[in-house]
Amino acid sequence: MAYEDVARFRSDDDEALVSGAFACPWCLHDDCSVLVDEGDVLPVGSCLCAVCDARWTVHLDAGQLLRLSLDPPPSVWLRWSARVGGLRQLWDLGADDLA
């Protein structure tokens, strides 16, 4: 079953609200990995729950994307996908990378 949602946090919200936007819709854990695809008109996060292996999609806006890139929540492992010169590239960004 495919599940799509819209992220509900502002760029200045507390990290608990940001990580809660990526909580698993089935088991409610927020320990997940998110592949953020910036190639669409609106950015999309493809999520995978580390606890129950559920998959879902979260739609993001530009402010949310900026927040994730500058101050990602520690419980969410972010991977970024973008098209550069017609090729798709992936890279990881975690809170440790920003220290």
C-alpha atoms as a PDB file:
ATOM      1  CA  MET A   1       0.000   0.000   0.000  1.00  0.00           C
ATOM      2  CA  ALA A   2       1.480   3.359  -1.046  1.00  0.00           C
ATOM      3  CA  TYR A   3       1.183   6.185   1.451  1.00  0.00           C
ATOM      4  CA  GLU A   4       1.865   9.842   0.677  1.00  0.00           C
ATOM      5  CA  ASP A   5       1.912  12.712   3.130  1.00  0.00           C
ATOM      6  CA  VAL A   6       2.870  16.380   3.319  1.00  0.00           C
ATOM      7  CA  ALA A   7       5.526  17.473   5.824  1.00  0.00           C
ATOM      8  CA  ARG A   8       4.028  19.681   8.522  1.00  0.00           C
ATOM      9  CA  PHE A   9       6.851  21.734  10.001  1.00  0.00           C
ATOM     10  CA  ARG A  10       8.253  25.213   9.524  1.00  0.00           C
ATOM     11  CA  SER A  11      11.892  26.005   8.975  1.00  0.00           C
ATOM     12  CA  ASP A  12      12.192  27.410  12.524  1.00  0.00           C
ATOM     13  CA  ASP A  13      10.371  24.578  14.354  1.00  0.00           C
ATOM     14  CA  ASP A  14      11.962  22.475  17.081  1.00  0.00           C
ATOM     15  CA  GLU A  15      13.812  19.349  15.928  1.00  0.00           C
ATOM     16  CA  ALA A  16      11.167  17.130  17.584  1.00  0.00           C
ATOM     17  CA  LEU A  17       8.525  18.524  15.216  1.00  0.00           C
ATOM     18  CA  VAL A  18      10.828  18.122  12.237  1.00  0.00           C
ATOM     19  CA  SER A  19      11.620  14.470  13.018  1.00  0.00           C
ATOM     20  CA  GLY A  20       7.926  13.866  13.792  1.00  0.00           C
ATOM     21  CA  ALA A  21       7.082  14.870  10.227  1.00  0.00           C
ATOM     22  CA  PHE A  22       8.994  11.761   9.120  1.00  0.00           C
ATOM     23  CA  ALA A  23       7.543   9.368  11.721  1.00  0.00           C
ATOM     24  CA  CYS A  24       6.375   6.044  10.328  1.00  0.00           C
ATOM     25  CA  PRO A  25       2.624   6.188   9.637  1.00  0.00           C
ATOM     26  CA  TRP A  26       2.278   2.547  10.740  1.00  0.00           C
ATOM     27  CA  CYS A  27       4.464   2.056  13.852  1.00  0.00           C
ATOM     28  CA  LEU A  28       5.055   5.783  14.651  1.00  0.00           C
ATOM     29  CA  HIS A  29       8.835   5.451  15.114  1.00  0.00           C
ATOM     30  CA  ASP A  30      10.840   8.405  13.801  1.00  0.00           C
ATOM     31  CA  ASP A  31      14.018   6.382  13.267  1.00  0.00           C
ATOM     32  CA  CYS A  32      14.024   6.343   9.464  1.00  0.00           C
ATOM     33  CA  SER A  33      16.041   7.003   6.356  1.00  0.00           C
ATOM     34  CA  VAL A  34      14.873   9.573   3.836  1.00  0.00           C
ATOM     35  CA  LEU A  35      15.985   9.947   0.236  1.00  0.00           C
ATOM     36  CA  VAL A  36      15.280  13.563  -0.698  1.00  0.00           C
ATOM     37  CA  ASP A  37      14.816  14.059  -4.433  1.00  0.00           C
ATOM     38  CA  GLU A  38      15.269  17.688  -5.444  1.00  0.00           C
ATOM     39  CA  GLY A  39      14.647  16.968  -9.126  1.00  0.00           C
ATOM     40  CA  ASP A  40      10.872  17.311  -9.016  1.00  0.00           C
ATOM     41  CA  VAL A  41       8.858  20.515  -9.109  1.00  0.00           C
ATOM     42  CA  LEU A  42       8.295  20.039  -5.370  1.00  0.00           C
ATOM     43  CA  PRO A  43      10.933  18.125  -3.388  1.00  0.00           C
ATOM     44  CA  VAL A  44       9.911  14.661  -2.245  1.00  0.00           C
ATOM     45  CA  GLY A  45      11.279  12.512   0.566  1.00  0.00           C
ATOM     46  CA  SER A  46      11.064   8.760   0.042  1.00  0.00           C
ATOM     47  CA  CYS A  47      11.072   7.298   3.564  1.00  0.00           C
ATOM     48  CA  LEU A  48      11.963   3.871   4.972  1.00  0.00           C
ATOM     49  CA  CYS A  49      11.266   2.952   8.610  1.00  0.00           C
ATOM     50  CA  ALA A  50      14.257   1.353  10.355  1.00  0.00           C
ATOM     51  CA  VAL A  51      11.919  -0.536  12.712  1.00  0.00           C
ATOM     52  CA  CYS A  52       9.145  -2.052  10.565  1.00  0.00           C
ATOM     53  CA  ASP A  53      10.555  -1.554   7.009  1.00  0.00           C
ATOM     54  CA  ALA A  54       7.489   0.432   5.906  1.00  0.00           C
ATOM     55  CA  ARG A  55       7.882   2.836   2.985  1.00  0.00           C
ATOM     56  CA  TRP A  56       6.090   6.128   2.360  1.00  0.00           C
ATOM     57  CA  THR A  57       6.527   9.486   0.666  1.00  0.00           C
ATOM     58  CA  VAL A  58       6.615  12.947   2.261  1.00  0.00           C
ATOM     59  CA  HIS A  59       6.243  16.062   0.105  1.00  0.00           C
ATOM     60  CA  LEU A  60       8.369  19.075   1.126  1.00  0.00           C
ATOM     61  CA  ASP A  61       8.417  22.779   0.346  1.00  0.00           C
ATOM     62  CA  ALA A  62      11.472  24.991  -0.185  1.00  0.00           C
ATOM     63  CA  GLY A  63      11.664  26.168   3.455  1.00  0.00           C
ATOM     64  CA  GLN A  64      11.493  22.610   4.752  1.00  0.00           C
ATOM     65  CA  LEU A  65      14.184  21.535   2.322  1.00  0.00           C
ATOM     66  CA  LEU A  66      16.417  24.357   3.545  1.00  0.00           C
ATOM     67  CA  ARG A  67      15.817  23.352   7.174  1.00  0.00           C
ATOM     68  CA  LEU A  68      16.740  19.747   6.454  1.00  0.00           C
ATOM     69  CA  SER A  69      19.936  20.763   4.700  1.00  0.00           C
ATOM     70  CA  LEU A  70      21.050  23.185   7.452  1.00  0.00           C
ATOM     71  CA  ASP A  71      19.836  21.431  10.613  1.00  0.00           C
ATOM     72  CA  PRO A  72      18.715  17.825  10.033  1.00  0.00           C
ATOM     73  CA  PRO A  73      17.078  15.993  12.966  1.00  0.00           C
ATOM     74  CA  PRO A  74      19.384  13.336  14.493  1.00  0.00           C
ATOM     75  CA  SER A  75      16.860  10.484  14.240  1.00  0.00           C
ATOM     76  CA  VAL A  76      16.470  10.915  10.477  1.00  0.00           C
ATOM     77  CA  TRP A  77      19.227   9.683   8.160  1.00  0.00           C
ATOM     78  CA  LEU A  78      19.073  11.915   5.087  1.00  0.00           C
ATOM     79  CA  ARG A  79      20.322  11.024   1.640  1.00  0.00           C
ATOM     80  CA  TRP A  80      20.120  13.568  -1.140  1.00  0.00           C
ATOM     81  CA  SER A  81      19.436  12.938  -4.795  1.00  0.00           C
ATOM     82  CA  ALA A  82      19.818  15.539  -7.502  1.00  0.00           C
ATOM     83  CA  ARG A  83      20.323  15.651 -11.225  1.00  0.00           C
ATOM     84  CA  VAL A  84      23.642  17.196 -12.178  1.00  0.00           C
ATOM     85  CA  GLY A  85      24.417  17.438 -15.873  1.00  0.00           C
ATOM     86  CA  GLY A  86      21.663  14.943 -16.682  1.00  0.00           C
ATOM     87  CA  LEU A  87      23.033  12.366 -14.220  1.00  0.00           C
ATOM     88  CA  ARG A  88      21.498  11.457 -10.866  1.00  0.00           C
ATOM     89  CA  GLN A  89      23.904  11.793  -7.944  1.00  0.00           C
ATOM     90  CA  LEU A  90      23.402  10.634  -4.348  1.00  0.00           C
ATOM     91  CA  TRP A  91      25.110  11.866  -1.218  1.00  0.00           C
ATOM     92  CA  ASP A  92      24.572  11.563   2.521  1.00  0.00           C
ATOM     93  CA  LEU A  93      24.256  14.376   5.002  1.00  0.00           C
ATOM     94  CA  GLY A  94      23.942  13.822   8.717  1.00  0.00           C
ATOM     95  CA  ALA A  95      24.179  16.029  11.741  1.00  0.00           C
ATOM     96  CA  ASP A  96      27.811  14.911  12.255  1.00  0.00           C
ATOM     97  CA  ASP A  97      28.742  16.286   8.832  1.00  0.00           C
ATOM     98  CA  LEU A  98      27.739  19.782   9.909  1.00  0.00           C
ATOM     99  CA  ALA A  99      29.832  19.879  13.098  1.00  0.00           C
END
